[in-house]
Amino acid sequence: MPDHTQNTVGILILHPIIAPDLFSYQWAPELTHNVLTYLDSDDVARMACVGNSFQAEAERLLSRRRANWEKSLWKPDMYRRVVDADPTTTHSGQGRLQELIFWCPDRDTLDTIVTDQLCEGLLLMTSLKHLTIRLPDEPEFDVLETINSTLARCTFSLKTLYLPEYLELFPWILNQTELEIIAVYTSNYFWGFNKDKHLSCQRWLSSSPCFRNPPTFFILSREDQEINIISVFLTFSPGWSAELINDSLGRFYAIPQNITMFGLYVQTMDELDDEDILSIIRSISDHFLNIYTLLLFVGDCMIHLNPEALASALSFLTTVRDLYIEFWEKPSKDNQLAYFFDYQKLKLCKIWSEECQHPSLGYIGFPDSTYRRIDLGWHSEEPWEDFSD
């Protein structure tokens, strides 16, 4: 008998199966409705983005679900909603929801029901442009995971976004190509938040090709119980706009007059000589009129080199009374080169105040946790509380 196990050639002929494009047909409205009712809200939202016979019914179903969602809210006082009126209807309450603010300051009220309803609402809001989520300090891990996974499935296209630092921006944020403003808020004081994490986010945002224009990124933090400090990484912030921040703060239940402290991050003092950086600082002074404290974080320890650069920046921030200078990373006490500025403090104080003719600067804190005051002629030196530990 022939051995069929050797030198056997098999030929498989594949015939293409032509499947009908079900979505290209005009389905009966009642059949379309019956199909969509079996889908979750995020799937219905995706159907509403596709130009086919399902689109109109999907939009109607989302509108009905959103209305039912608003009626059934467990904690309606936690939400603020702004709806653009639909000119095609005679009812003022109908339209696309453009803005949502979720405000839950109490950890005890952030239970499963509240979290699930928030996530359901986010999936329903396909036309959302402005989103603010305020959570209590240190929310439960399950709450964060639920919100993070929901944001990754949402179909809206945002322009402004305010989130707590506990929530993750990546990778879902890369789908938000129209973003103009990203604000991360922290309940920690200025020295307490995760600076390395936010610097990494800023670098991603400024270099990613996903955005039409790199969004303005900043950090909101607080002194005592009031959110009043803005921090920004100047070196990695192309297109950064103080005007956009000023206009958007109302969505965070904050007003520009409350911003009294600004934190600027630079790699070296020389960067303050850059025209783009000076333009940003000039815009800060134009839009935030009550900045009394400037917190300057520097990557390079040689702050005594080119002191005129900081003087140029201070000449625009004429309301600043207190200047604090800190290093990004605290050098060891044995590193004498890092503290070489100690021998030039008097010279630096005079350049930063007198030579730039700053009218109000009266206090300068140095990275070695000492300060000097103008009413003592910049001569006397005192220790100041170190917040960086």
Protein backbone atom coordinates (compact mmCIF):
# COMPACT_ATOMS: atom_id res chain seq x y z
CA MET A 1 0.00 0.00 0.00
CA PRO A 2 1.24 3.49 -0.67
CA ASP A 3 2.50 5.43 2.31
CA HIS A 4 0.26 8.45 2.56
CA THR A 5 2.24 9.86 5.47
CA GLN A 6 5.17 10.82 3.25
CA ASN A 7 5.32 13.51 0.57
CA THR A 8 1.66 14.24 0.84
CA VAL A 9 0.58 17.64 -0.48
CA GLY A 10 -2.63 19.14 0.82
CA ILE A 11 -4.44 21.92 -1.01
CA LEU A 12 -6.96 24.10 0.80
CA ILE A 13 -9.07 26.39 -1.33
CA LEU A 14 -10.61 29.29 0.58
CA HIS A 15 -13.75 30.81 -0.87
CA PRO A 16 -14.45 34.35 0.39
CA ILE A 17 -17.66 34.63 2.33
CA ILE A 18 -19.44 37.83 1.51
CA ALA A 19 -21.34 38.97 4.57
CA PRO A 20 -23.94 41.71 4.21
CA ASP A 21 -23.19 45.03 5.87
CA LEU A 22 -26.03 45.06 8.34
CA PHE A 23 -25.54 48.70 9.24
CA SER A 24 -25.90 49.91 5.65
CA TYR A 25 -29.54 48.86 5.49
CA GLN A 26 -32.41 51.08 6.55
CA TRP A 27 -33.84 49.16 9.48
CA ALA A 28 -37.35 49.70 10.69
CA PRO A 29 -37.36 52.18 13.61
CA GLU A 30 -38.94 49.72 16.04
CA LEU A 31 -36.37 47.05 15.16
CA THR A 32 -33.52 49.54 15.55
CA HIS A 33 -34.85 50.55 18.95
CA ASN A 34 -35.16 46.93 20.10
CA VAL A 35 -31.56 46.21 19.11
CA LEU A 36 -30.16 49.31 20.84
CA THR A 37 -31.99 48.70 24.12
CA TYR A 38 -29.87 45.60 24.66
CA LEU A 39 -26.63 47.64 24.51
CA ASP A 40 -24.81 49.37 27.35
CA SER A 41 -24.62 53.14 27.30
CA ASP A 42 -21.03 53.24 26.03
CA ASP A 43 -21.97 50.98 23.09
CA VAL A 44 -25.02 53.10 22.32
CA ALA A 45 -22.79 56.19 22.44
CA ARG A 46 -20.50 54.64 19.86
CA MET A 47 -23.46 53.84 17.63
CA ALA A 48 -24.51 57.49 17.87
CA CYS A 49 -21.14 58.52 16.40
CA VAL A 50 -21.60 56.40 13.27
CA GLY A 51 -23.48 57.75 10.31
CA ASN A 52 -26.02 54.98 9.69
CA SER A 53 -29.64 54.15 10.36
CA PHE A 54 -28.85 53.52 14.02
CA GLN A 55 -27.50 57.01 14.68
CA ALA A 56 -30.73 58.96 15.15
CA GLU A 57 -32.30 56.31 17.38
CA ALA A 58 -29.07 55.96 19.36
CA GLU A 59 -29.06 59.69 20.07
CA ARG A 60 -32.71 59.58 21.15
CA LEU A 61 -32.04 56.62 23.43
CA LEU A 62 -29.05 58.36 25.00
CA SER A 63 -31.15 61.46 25.62
CA ARG A 64 -33.86 59.39 27.34
CA ARG A 65 -31.32 57.51 29.41
CA ARG A 66 -29.66 60.76 30.44
CA ALA A 67 -33.00 62.24 31.52
CA ASN A 68 -33.75 59.12 33.57
CA TRP A 69 -30.22 59.26 35.00
CA GLU A 70 -30.72 62.85 36.17
CA LYS A 71 -34.05 62.00 37.80
CA SER A 72 -32.62 59.03 39.68
CA LEU A 73 -29.46 60.68 41.06
CA TRP A 74 -28.80 59.57 44.61
CA LYS A 75 -26.99 62.82 45.44
CA PRO A 76 -28.18 65.45 42.90
CA ASP A 77 -26.51 68.29 44.86
CA MET A 78 -23.11 66.87 43.89
CA TYR A 79 -23.67 67.75 40.24
CA ARG A 80 -23.73 70.95 38.29
CA ARG A 81 -24.76 70.61 34.64
CA VAL A 82 -24.77 73.11 31.79
CA VAL A 83 -26.88 72.28 28.73
CA ASP A 84 -26.74 74.13 25.44
CA ALA A 85 -30.33 74.60 24.23
CA ASP A 86 -31.27 72.71 21.10
CA PRO A 87 -32.55 75.28 18.56
CA THR A 88 -34.60 72.59 16.80
CA THR A 89 -36.90 72.16 19.79
CA THR A 90 -39.29 74.47 21.57
CA HIS A 91 -38.33 73.09 24.99
CA SER A 92 -35.59 75.05 26.75
CA GLY A 93 -34.52 72.02 28.77
CA GLN A 94 -33.60 69.99 25.72
CA GLY A 95 -30.12 70.10 24.21
CA ARG A 96 -26.63 68.71 24.45
CA LEU A 97 -24.94 68.63 27.82
CA GLN A 98 -21.70 70.62 27.45
CA GLU A 99 -20.36 70.82 30.99
CA LEU A 100 -20.41 68.60 34.07
CA ILE A 101 -19.02 69.37 37.52
CA PHE A 102 -19.03 66.54 40.04
CA TRP A 103 -18.25 67.69 43.57
CA CYS A 104 -17.91 65.15 46.38
CA PRO A 105 -15.77 66.51 49.23
CA ASP A 106 -16.93 63.96 51.82
CA ARG A 107 -15.35 60.51 51.68
CA ASP A 108 -18.26 58.90 53.54
CA THR A 109 -20.73 59.88 50.81
CA LEU A 110 -18.62 58.50 47.95
CA ASP A 111 -20.20 55.06 48.04
CA THR A 112 -20.81 52.50 45.30
CA ILE A 113 -24.14 54.00 44.29
CA VAL A 114 -22.69 57.49 43.82
CA THR A 115 -19.67 56.16 41.92
CA ASP A 116 -21.74 53.95 39.61
CA GLN A 117 -24.14 56.78 38.83
CA LEU A 118 -21.25 59.12 38.01
CA CYS A 119 -19.76 56.56 35.65
CA GLU A 120 -23.10 55.88 33.99
CA GLY A 121 -23.55 59.60 33.43
CA LEU A 122 -20.09 60.00 31.90
CA LEU A 123 -20.87 57.29 29.35
CA LEU A 124 -24.15 59.01 28.42
CA MET A 125 -22.61 62.44 27.81
CA THR A 126 -21.30 62.13 24.27
CA SER A 127 -21.32 65.91 23.65
CA LEU A 128 -19.48 66.86 26.86
CA LYS A 129 -16.82 69.59 26.44
CA HIS A 130 -15.89 70.55 30.01
CA LEU A 131 -15.44 68.04 32.83
CA THR A 132 -14.54 68.64 36.46
CA ILE A 133 -14.32 65.84 39.02
CA ARG A 134 -13.63 66.73 42.65
CA LEU A 135 -13.08 63.79 44.98
CA PRO A 136 -12.33 63.66 48.70
CA ASP A 137 -8.82 63.08 49.99
CA GLU A 138 -7.51 59.53 49.48
CA PRO A 139 -10.60 57.83 48.01
CA GLU A 140 -10.91 54.06 47.97
CA PHE A 141 -8.89 52.16 45.37
CA ASP A 142 -12.03 50.56 43.89
CA VAL A 143 -13.55 54.01 43.33
CA LEU A 144 -10.47 55.18 41.43
CA GLU A 145 -10.33 52.01 39.33
CA THR A 146 -14.01 52.32 38.40
CA ILE A 147 -13.67 55.96 37.32
CA ASN A 148 -10.40 55.33 35.47
CA SER A 149 -11.86 52.44 33.47
CA THR A 150 -14.98 54.48 32.66
CA LEU A 151 -12.98 57.46 31.36
CA ALA A 152 -11.17 55.10 28.98
CA ARG A 153 -14.54 54.09 27.44
CA CYS A 154 -16.12 57.54 27.11
CA THR A 155 -16.77 58.96 23.65
CA PHE A 156 -16.88 62.70 24.42
CA SER A 157 -14.26 65.14 23.10
CA LEU A 158 -13.21 67.52 25.87
CA LYS A 159 -11.80 71.04 25.79
CA THR A 160 -11.15 71.47 29.53
CA LEU A 161 -10.49 68.84 32.17
CA TYR A 162 -10.05 69.16 35.93
CA LEU A 163 -9.14 65.95 37.77
CA PRO A 164 -7.67 64.98 41.14
CA GLU A 165 -4.08 63.75 41.10
CA TYR A 166 -5.27 60.31 42.23
CA LEU A 167 -6.80 59.60 38.80
CA GLU A 168 -4.64 58.52 35.87
CA LEU A 169 -4.41 60.68 32.77
CA PHE A 170 -2.77 58.14 30.49
CA PRO A 171 -3.41 56.50 28.13
CA TRP A 172 -7.04 57.58 27.72
CA ILE A 173 -6.17 61.29 27.61
CA LEU A 174 -4.37 60.79 24.29
CA ASN A 175 -7.78 60.30 22.62
CA GLN A 176 -8.84 63.80 23.68
CA THR A 177 -7.26 65.59 20.73
CA GLU A 178 -9.19 68.87 21.23
CA LEU A 179 -8.05 69.46 24.82
CA GLU A 180 -6.99 73.01 25.66
CA ILE A 181 -6.74 72.87 29.45
CA ILE A 182 -5.71 70.08 31.82
CA ALA A 183 -5.69 70.89 35.53
CA VAL A 184 -4.63 68.45 38.22
CA TYR A 185 -5.59 69.43 41.73
CA THR A 186 -4.14 68.18 44.97
CA SER A 187 -5.25 68.73 48.54
CA ASN A 188 -1.60 68.76 49.60
CA TYR A 189 0.32 71.94 50.18
CA PHE A 190 2.64 73.12 47.41
CA TRP A 191 5.60 71.06 48.58
CA GLY A 192 3.54 67.93 49.15
CA PHE A 193 2.35 66.78 45.72
CA ASN A 194 4.07 64.33 43.39
CA LYS A 195 6.22 66.69 41.33
CA ASP A 196 8.03 63.94 39.41
CA LYS A 197 4.75 62.40 38.24
CA HIS A 198 3.37 65.72 37.03
CA LEU A 199 6.60 66.67 35.30
CA SER A 200 6.46 63.36 33.43
CA CYS A 201 2.85 64.13 32.40
CA GLN A 202 3.87 67.57 31.16
CA ARG A 203 6.64 66.10 29.02
CA TRP A 204 4.25 63.59 27.48
CA LEU A 205 1.64 66.23 26.75
CA SER A 206 4.07 68.66 25.18
CA SER A 207 5.69 66.07 22.92
CA SER A 208 2.72 63.87 21.96
CA PRO A 209 1.52 64.15 18.34
CA CYS A 210 -2.00 63.20 19.46
CA PHE A 211 -3.10 66.75 20.22
CA ARG A 212 -3.91 69.42 17.69
CA ASN A 213 -2.05 71.87 19.96
CA PRO A 214 -0.30 70.92 23.22
CA PRO A 215 -2.80 71.58 26.04
CA THR A 216 -2.03 73.99 28.86
CA PHE A 217 -1.21 71.88 31.90
CA PHE A 218 -1.07 73.16 35.47
CA ILE A 219 -1.46 72.03 39.07
CA LEU A 220 -3.83 73.45 41.66
CA SER A 221 -2.85 73.04 45.30
CA ARG A 222 -3.76 74.69 48.54
CA GLU A 223 -2.54 76.61 51.53
CA ASP A 224 -4.53 75.75 54.64
CA GLN A 225 -8.03 74.87 53.35
CA GLU A 226 -8.16 77.18 50.33
CA ILE A 227 -7.18 76.21 46.79
CA ASN A 228 -5.03 79.19 45.86
CA ILE A 229 -1.72 77.99 44.37
CA ILE A 230 -1.01 77.34 40.69
CA SER A 231 2.14 75.49 39.64
CA VAL A 232 3.52 75.13 36.13
CA PHE A 233 6.59 73.60 34.52
CA LEU A 234 7.67 76.49 32.34
CA THR A 235 10.44 74.73 30.44
CA PHE A 236 8.13 72.00 29.15
CA SER A 237 5.05 74.12 28.48
CA PRO A 238 4.86 75.24 24.85
CA GLY A 239 1.77 77.32 24.23
CA TRP A 240 1.04 77.65 27.95
CA SER A 241 -1.69 80.25 28.44
CA ALA A 242 -2.50 82.16 31.61
CA GLU A 243 -5.58 83.54 29.85
CA LEU A 244 -7.01 80.05 29.29
CA ILE A 245 -6.41 79.17 32.94
CA ASN A 246 -7.99 82.39 34.12
CA ASP A 247 -11.09 81.78 32.00
CA SER A 248 -11.47 78.17 33.09
CA LEU A 249 -11.08 78.52 36.86
CA GLY A 250 -14.78 79.15 37.35
CA ARG A 251 -15.43 75.53 36.44
CA PHE A 252 -13.44 74.51 39.49
CA TYR A 253 -15.44 76.69 41.87
CA ALA A 254 -12.41 78.95 42.15
CA ILE A 255 -12.01 82.53 41.06
CA PRO A 256 -8.80 84.15 39.80
CA GLN A 257 -8.78 86.61 42.70
CA ASN A 258 -8.19 83.67 45.04
CA ILE A 259 -4.91 82.74 43.35
CA THR A 260 -2.28 84.39 45.55
CA MET A 261 0.67 82.02 45.02
CA PHE A 262 2.38 80.87 41.84
CA GLY A 263 4.92 78.08 41.54
CA LEU A 264 7.33 78.08 38.59
CA TYR A 265 9.61 75.18 37.69
CA VAL A 266 12.73 75.82 35.61
CA GLN A 267 15.85 73.77 34.95
CA THR A 268 18.26 76.71 35.28
CA MET A 269 18.06 80.39 36.07
CA ASP A 270 19.21 81.11 32.51
CA GLU A 271 15.83 79.95 31.19
CA LEU A 272 14.25 83.04 32.72
CA ASP A 273 16.11 85.02 30.06
CA ASP A 274 14.25 83.19 27.29
CA GLU A 275 11.73 85.37 25.46
CA ASP A 276 9.07 82.62 25.45
CA ILE A 277 9.39 82.16 29.23
CA LEU A 278 9.25 85.92 29.82
CA SER A 279 6.14 86.08 27.64
CA ILE A 280 4.48 83.47 29.86
CA ILE A 281 5.45 85.37 33.02
CA ARG A 282 4.11 88.58 31.49
CA SER A 283 0.79 86.86 30.77
CA ILE A 284 0.64 85.61 34.37
CA SER A 285 0.98 89.17 35.65
CA ASP A 286 -1.74 90.35 33.23
CA HIS A 287 -4.35 87.78 34.30
CA PHE A 288 -3.57 87.11 37.98
CA LEU A 289 -3.47 90.40 39.82
CA ASN A 290 -3.14 89.16 43.41
CA ILE A 291 0.03 87.06 43.32
CA TYR A 292 1.81 87.87 46.56
CA THR A 293 4.08 84.83 46.78
CA LEU A 294 6.33 83.37 44.08
CA LEU A 295 7.75 79.87 44.61
CA LEU A 296 10.63 79.16 42.25
CA PHE A 297 11.94 75.60 41.91
CA VAL A 298 15.26 75.25 40.13
CA GLY A 299 16.92 72.09 38.86
CA ASP A 300 20.45 73.51 38.76
CA CYS A 301 21.97 74.53 42.09
CA MET A 302 23.97 77.41 40.56
CA ILE A 303 21.32 80.03 41.37
CA HIS A 304 23.98 82.71 41.92
CA LEU A 305 24.95 82.64 38.23
CA ASN A 306 23.15 85.14 35.99
CA PRO A 307 20.98 86.71 38.74
CA GLU A 308 19.80 89.31 36.23
CA ALA A 309 17.62 86.64 34.58
CA LEU A 310 15.41 86.33 37.66
CA ALA A 311 15.43 90.11 38.02
CA SER A 312 13.92 90.37 34.53
CA ALA A 313 11.13 87.97 35.47
CA LEU A 314 10.43 89.76 38.76
CA SER A 315 10.12 93.08 36.96
CA PHE A 316 6.80 91.82 35.52
CA LEU A 317 5.46 90.33 38.78
CA THR A 318 5.16 93.64 40.59
CA THR A 319 2.73 92.43 43.29
CA VAL A 320 5.05 89.70 44.64
CA ARG A 321 6.05 90.33 48.26
CA ASP A 322 7.64 86.99 49.16
CA LEU A 323 10.05 85.00 47.00
CA TYR A 324 10.96 81.42 47.89
CA ILE A 325 13.68 79.57 45.99
CA GLU A 326 14.03 75.80 46.30
CA PHE A 327 15.92 73.06 44.51
CA TRP A 328 14.02 70.30 42.74
CA GLU A 329 16.12 67.79 44.61
CA LYS A 330 17.63 68.61 47.97
CA PRO A 331 21.46 68.30 47.73
CA SER A 332 23.43 66.85 50.60
CA LYS A 333 25.00 69.18 53.15
CA ASP A 334 28.41 67.87 52.07
CA ASN A 335 27.93 69.27 48.57
CA GLN A 336 29.60 72.62 49.11
CA LEU A 337 29.22 73.64 45.47
CA ALA A 338 25.43 73.41 45.75
CA TYR A 339 25.42 76.02 48.52
CA PHE A 340 27.98 78.37 47.02
CA PHE A 341 25.25 80.99 46.76
CA ASP A 342 25.49 81.35 50.56
CA TYR A 343 28.39 83.75 50.12
CA GLN A 344 26.48 85.98 47.69
CA LYS A 345 23.08 86.36 49.32
CA LEU A 346 23.37 90.09 49.92
CA LYS A 347 24.39 90.68 46.30
CA LEU A 348 21.53 88.49 45.03
CA CYS A 349 18.95 90.25 47.19
CA LYS A 350 19.98 93.65 45.92
CA ILE A 351 19.93 92.58 42.27
CA TRP A 352 16.55 90.87 42.60
CA SER A 353 14.92 93.80 44.39
CA GLU A 354 16.76 97.07 43.90
CA GLU A 355 18.26 96.77 40.42
CA CYS A 356 14.99 95.54 38.88
CA GLN A 357 13.19 98.31 40.86
CA HIS A 358 10.69 95.87 42.34
CA PRO A 359 8.30 97.97 44.46
CA SER A 360 6.97 95.36 46.89
CA LEU A 361 9.48 92.50 47.25
CA GLY A 362 10.44 92.37 50.91
CA TYR A 363 11.23 88.74 51.74
CA ILE A 364 13.52 86.23 50.01
CA GLY A 365 13.78 82.62 51.17
CA PHE A 366 16.82 80.63 50.06
CA PRO A 367 17.22 76.88 49.46
CA ASP A 368 19.23 76.45 52.69
CA SER A 369 16.07 77.32 54.68
CA THR A 370 17.17 80.84 55.56
CA TYR A 371 15.61 84.13 54.57
CA ARG A 372 16.46 87.81 54.38
CA ARG A 373 14.20 90.84 54.68
CA ILE A 374 14.36 94.25 53.08
CA ASP A 375 13.40 96.06 56.29
CA LEU A 376 16.66 94.77 57.74
CA GLY A 377 18.60 95.93 54.72
CA TRP A 378 18.89 92.36 53.44
CA HIS A 379 21.73 91.88 55.95
CA SER A 380 20.16 89.91 58.81
CA GLU A 381 19.57 86.21 58.20
CA GLU A 382 16.92 84.07 59.89
CA PRO A 383 15.84 80.42 59.51
CA TRP A 384 12.46 79.71 57.95
CA GLU A 385 10.30 76.61 58.25
CA ASP A 386 11.29 73.97 55.68
CA PHE A 387 8.14 72.64 53.98
CA SER A 388 9.96 70.40 51.55
CA ASP A 389 10.44 67.45 53.94
